[in-house]
């Protein structure tokens, strides 16, 4: 069976992302301190989701319409890196699959690959009918598309995408089992090539902090990280650390 090589790609925030990130943490700090119990847990998950979208791209955070691709990539090192990596993979005659939890991020990547690299990229989401989904998978496996974007929920299980020898995780899922299942769409029986797995992490943000926590907790109980709920069970001290600036 071929080898799998996993690598974290650490990318700094742009100054726009850094300013928005700091502002959002300040804005939610008071709210966090005044809520308790169930309401607080809900707020924590909302805050974390908003910050993850900001780590992906400021336009997702601000819910803006798409602008020109060249402007979009200049506002997020992560988007820029994913788009150029996927473009290079395609120009080398190889294939990659890209996973994201956010439909908006998938559409941004799709838009930029089309505009900057002239690559038509299908995007498989959870709402896509099975027939259409199967046709896209068959077309990708037959080499018709060099890049295939999948929402993490739609692409988590059951799909065979062994034509890809690169897997790009645009954003980190906080349940490692789900992320590994997604990777296994390419790294499975029938795969004959070395599989490169790239996990994109925005430095100095919750993405990097949670990545460190997962590494530490991997040694602990697997039950703990079976869902993202473990994040809401963190102590106030751990939460303060998570939702603070710097490493």
Protein backbone atom coordinates (compact mmCIF):
# COMPACT_ATOMS: atom_id res chain seq x y z
CA UNK A 1 0.00 0.00 0.00
CA UNK A 2 1.49 3.44 -0.87
CA UNK A 3 2.54 5.90 1.82
CA UNK A 4 0.61 8.91 3.08
CA UNK A 5 2.49 12.08 3.95
CA UNK A 6 0.67 14.63 6.15
CA UNK A 7 1.86 18.19 6.53
CA UNK A 8 0.48 21.30 8.24
CA UNK A 9 0.80 24.44 6.13
CA UNK A 10 1.08 27.40 8.52
CA UNK A 11 0.11 30.74 7.01
CA UNK A 12 0.18 34.18 8.64
CA UNK A 13 -2.90 36.38 8.83
CA UNK A 14 -3.09 39.43 6.58
CA UNK A 15 -3.28 42.78 8.39
CA UNK A 16 -7.00 42.94 7.50
CA UNK A 17 -7.60 39.53 9.10
CA UNK A 18 -5.56 40.46 12.17
CA UNK A 19 -7.55 43.68 12.73
CA UNK A 20 -10.92 41.95 12.27
CA UNK A 21 -9.85 39.07 14.53
CA UNK A 22 -8.79 41.39 17.35
CA UNK A 23 -11.94 43.50 17.00
CA UNK A 24 -14.22 40.46 17.09
CA UNK A 25 -12.53 39.04 20.21
CA UNK A 26 -12.95 42.38 22.00
CA UNK A 27 -16.57 42.64 20.90
CA UNK A 28 -17.49 39.16 22.18
CA UNK A 29 -15.47 39.26 25.41
CA UNK A 30 -18.15 41.06 27.44
CA UNK A 31 -20.91 38.81 26.07
CA UNK A 32 -18.89 35.75 27.04
CA UNK A 33 -18.39 37.00 30.57
CA UNK A 34 -22.10 37.73 31.13
CA UNK A 35 -23.59 34.48 29.81
CA UNK A 36 -23.66 31.18 31.68
CA UNK A 37 -24.45 27.53 31.01
CA UNK A 38 -26.29 26.55 27.88
CA UNK A 39 -26.33 30.03 26.33
CA UNK A 40 -22.60 30.35 26.81
CA UNK A 41 -21.94 27.01 25.06
CA UNK A 42 -24.00 28.14 22.08
CA UNK A 43 -22.13 31.44 21.97
CA UNK A 44 -18.73 29.70 22.13
CA UNK A 45 -19.53 27.52 19.08
CA UNK A 46 -20.81 30.58 17.18
CA UNK A 47 -17.67 32.56 18.03
CA UNK A 48 -15.41 29.69 17.00
CA UNK A 49 -17.24 29.21 13.71
CA UNK A 50 -17.02 32.96 12.91
CA UNK A 51 -13.30 32.99 13.72
CA UNK A 52 -12.71 29.93 11.52
CA UNK A 53 -14.43 31.70 8.63
CA UNK A 54 -12.25 34.75 9.23
CA UNK A 55 -9.14 32.51 9.18
CA UNK A 56 -10.32 31.31 5.76
CA UNK A 57 -11.12 34.73 4.32
CA UNK A 58 -12.37 38.16 5.51
CA UNK A 59 -15.09 38.14 2.82
CA UNK A 60 -16.66 35.05 4.44
CA UNK A 61 -16.58 36.72 7.85
CA UNK A 62 -18.13 39.94 6.50
CA UNK A 63 -20.54 38.04 4.18
CA UNK A 64 -19.42 40.04 1.14
CA UNK A 65 -20.13 39.15 -2.50
CA UNK A 66 -17.17 37.91 -4.60
CA UNK A 67 -14.84 40.49 -6.09
CA UNK A 68 -12.06 39.94 -8.65
CA UNK A 69 -9.98 36.84 -7.84
CA UNK A 70 -6.68 38.77 -7.75
CA UNK A 71 -8.08 40.99 -4.97
CA UNK A 72 -9.53 38.03 -3.08
CA UNK A 73 -6.25 36.08 -2.90
CA UNK A 74 -4.39 39.19 -1.69
CA UNK A 75 -6.65 39.31 1.40
CA UNK A 76 -5.98 35.76 2.65
CA UNK A 77 -2.67 33.91 2.55
CA UNK A 78 -4.58 30.68 3.04
CA UNK A 79 -6.79 31.19 -0.02
CA UNK A 80 -3.77 32.32 -2.03
CA UNK A 81 -1.76 29.25 -1.02
CA UNK A 82 -4.59 26.77 -1.70
CA UNK A 83 -5.33 28.28 -5.12
CA UNK A 84 -1.67 28.32 -6.20
CA UNK A 85 -1.03 24.79 -4.85
CA UNK A 86 -4.09 23.40 -6.67
CA UNK A 87 -3.03 25.28 -9.82
CA UNK A 88 0.47 23.76 -9.64
CA UNK A 89 -0.91 20.25 -9.05
CA UNK A 90 -3.13 20.62 -12.13
CA UNK A 91 -0.29 21.96 -14.29
CA UNK A 92 1.84 18.96 -13.23
CA UNK A 93 -0.85 16.67 -14.62
CA UNK A 94 -1.85 15.46 -11.14
CA UNK A 95 -5.21 15.62 -9.33
CA UNK A 96 -6.28 16.93 -5.94
CA UNK A 97 -9.35 17.00 -3.74
CA UNK A 98 -10.02 19.98 -1.49
CA UNK A 99 -12.20 19.72 1.63
CA UNK A 100 -13.88 22.63 3.38
CA UNK A 101 -16.63 22.92 6.01
CA UNK A 102 -17.92 26.13 4.48
CA UNK A 103 -19.84 26.38 1.21
CA UNK A 104 -18.63 29.99 0.94
CA UNK A 105 -14.98 28.92 1.08
CA UNK A 106 -15.57 26.25 -1.58
CA UNK A 107 -17.11 28.87 -3.85
CA UNK A 108 -14.21 31.28 -3.27
CA UNK A 109 -11.67 28.58 -4.23
CA UNK A 110 -13.78 27.60 -7.25
CA UNK A 111 -14.07 31.24 -8.40
CA UNK A 112 -10.31 31.94 -8.00
CA UNK A 113 -9.19 28.73 -9.76
CA UNK A 114 -11.48 29.56 -12.66
CA UNK A 115 -10.39 33.19 -12.95
CA UNK A 116 -6.66 32.85 -12.19
CA UNK A 117 -5.84 29.39 -13.58
CA UNK A 118 -8.68 28.81 -16.05
CA UNK A 119 -9.57 25.52 -14.31
CA UNK A 120 -13.18 24.39 -14.18
CA UNK A 121 -13.70 22.87 -10.72
CA UNK A 122 -16.77 20.91 -9.64
CA UNK A 123 -17.97 21.42 -6.04
CA UNK A 124 -19.79 18.58 -4.32
CA UNK A 125 -22.09 19.72 -1.51
CA UNK A 126 -24.49 17.87 0.76
CA UNK A 127 -27.54 19.14 -1.14
CA UNK A 128 -26.41 17.67 -4.47
CA UNK A 129 -28.64 14.83 -5.82
CA UNK A 130 -27.01 11.39 -5.77
CA UNK A 131 -27.09 10.96 -9.56
CA UNK A 132 -25.24 14.21 -10.14
CA UNK A 133 -22.78 13.38 -7.36
CA UNK A 134 -22.01 9.97 -8.89
CA UNK A 135 -21.46 11.51 -12.33
CA UNK A 136 -18.97 14.03 -10.92
CA UNK A 137 -17.08 11.33 -9.01
CA UNK A 138 -16.87 9.15 -12.14
CA UNK A 139 -15.69 12.12 -14.24
CA UNK A 140 -13.02 13.00 -11.66
CA UNK A 141 -11.85 9.37 -11.46
CA UNK A 142 -11.63 9.33 -15.27
CA UNK A 143 -9.32 12.36 -15.15
CA UNK A 144 -11.77 14.89 -16.57
CA UNK A 145 -11.15 17.39 -13.76
CA UNK A 146 -7.80 18.05 -12.09
CA UNK A 147 -9.36 19.57 -8.95
CA UNK A 148 -12.49 18.56 -7.03
CA UNK A 149 -13.86 20.54 -4.07
CA UNK A 150 -16.02 18.75 -1.50
CA UNK A 151 -17.85 20.05 1.51
CA UNK A 152 -16.57 17.96 4.41
CA UNK A 153 -20.02 16.58 5.28
CA UNK A 154 -20.77 15.57 1.68
CA UNK A 155 -17.38 13.98 1.10
CA UNK A 156 -16.77 12.30 4.43
CA UNK A 157 -17.64 8.71 3.61
CA UNK A 158 -18.44 6.31 0.83
CA UNK A 159 -16.68 8.09 -2.01
CA UNK A 160 -13.77 6.61 -3.92
CA UNK A 161 -11.51 9.38 -5.19
CA UNK A 162 -8.25 7.50 -5.68
CA UNK A 163 -7.45 9.51 -8.84
CA UNK A 164 -6.26 12.21 -6.43
CA UNK A 165 -2.79 11.96 -4.95
CA UNK A 166 -3.14 15.27 -3.08
CA UNK A 167 -5.69 16.06 -0.36
CA UNK A 168 -6.03 19.68 0.79
CA UNK A 169 -7.93 20.48 4.00
CA UNK A 170 -8.80 24.17 3.63
CA UNK A 171 -10.01 24.38 7.22
CA UNK A 172 -9.46 22.09 10.17
CA UNK A 173 -12.29 19.99 11.47
CA UNK A 174 -12.19 19.78 15.25
CA UNK A 175 -12.98 16.11 15.23
CA UNK A 176 -9.88 14.32 13.87
CA UNK A 177 -11.89 11.20 12.98
CA UNK A 178 -14.01 13.17 10.49
CA UNK A 179 -10.91 14.74 8.93
CA UNK A 180 -9.25 11.32 8.59
CA UNK A 181 -12.38 9.84 6.99
CA UNK A 182 -12.26 12.63 4.42
CA UNK A 183 -8.57 12.00 3.69
CA UNK A 184 -9.41 8.33 3.20
CA UNK A 185 -11.48 9.17 0.10
CA UNK A 186 -8.09 9.28 -1.67
CA UNK A 187 -5.98 7.12 0.62
CA UNK A 188 -7.71 3.78 0.25
CA UNK A 189 -7.64 0.46 -1.58
CA UNK A 190 -7.01 1.13 -5.26
CA UNK A 191 -4.62 4.00 -4.54
CA UNK A 192 -1.29 3.32 -6.23
CA UNK A 193 0.40 6.69 -5.68
CA UNK A 194 2.02 8.38 -2.71
CA UNK A 195 -0.68 10.61 -1.13
CA UNK A 196 0.20 14.13 0.05
CA UNK A 197 -2.16 15.57 2.68
CA UNK A 198 -1.93 19.33 3.32
CA UNK A 199 -3.76 20.85 6.29
CA UNK A 200 -3.98 24.64 6.16
CA UNK A 201 -3.66 26.46 9.48
CA UNK A 202 -3.73 30.23 10.03
CA UNK A 203 -0.92 31.05 12.47
CA UNK A 204 -1.55 32.84 15.75
CA UNK A 205 -5.28 32.03 15.71
CA UNK A 206 -7.66 29.49 17.21
CA UNK A 207 -6.81 27.18 14.29
CA UNK A 208 -3.25 26.83 15.53
CA UNK A 209 -4.28 26.63 19.19
CA UNK A 210 -6.88 23.94 18.56
CA UNK A 211 -4.42 22.02 16.41
CA UNK A 212 -2.02 21.96 19.40
CA UNK A 213 -4.84 20.90 21.74
CA UNK A 214 -5.79 18.03 19.43
CA UNK A 215 -2.21 16.81 19.35
CA UNK A 216 -2.16 16.82 23.16
CA UNK A 217 -5.61 15.27 23.48
CA UNK A 218 -4.95 12.58 20.85
CA UNK A 219 -3.14 10.76 23.62
CA UNK A 220 -6.27 11.03 25.76
CA UNK A 221 -9.65 9.46 25.21
CA UNK A 222 -10.90 9.22 21.63
CA UNK A 223 -14.43 9.75 23.02
CA UNK A 224 -13.47 13.23 24.09
CA UNK A 225 -12.89 14.36 20.52
CA UNK A 226 -15.65 12.41 18.80
CA UNK A 227 -17.50 15.70 18.31
CA UNK A 228 -16.76 19.39 18.46
CA UNK A 229 -18.70 19.48 21.75
CA UNK A 230 -15.47 18.97 23.70
CA UNK A 231 -14.70 22.60 22.91
CA UNK A 232 -17.72 23.78 24.89
CA UNK A 233 -16.66 21.71 27.91
CA UNK A 234 -13.30 23.48 28.28
CA UNK A 235 -12.62 25.29 31.54
CA UNK A 236 -12.93 29.09 31.60
CA UNK A 237 -9.15 29.37 31.79
CA UNK A 238 -8.69 27.19 28.68
CA UNK A 239 -11.39 29.14 26.86
CA UNK A 240 -9.77 32.46 27.76
CA UNK A 241 -6.51 31.14 26.39
CA UNK A 242 -8.21 29.91 23.22
CA UNK A 243 -9.98 33.21 22.67
CA UNK A 244 -6.96 35.42 23.28
CA UNK A 245 -4.41 36.82 20.88
CA UNK A 246 -1.00 35.31 20.29
CA UNK A 247 0.10 31.70 20.71
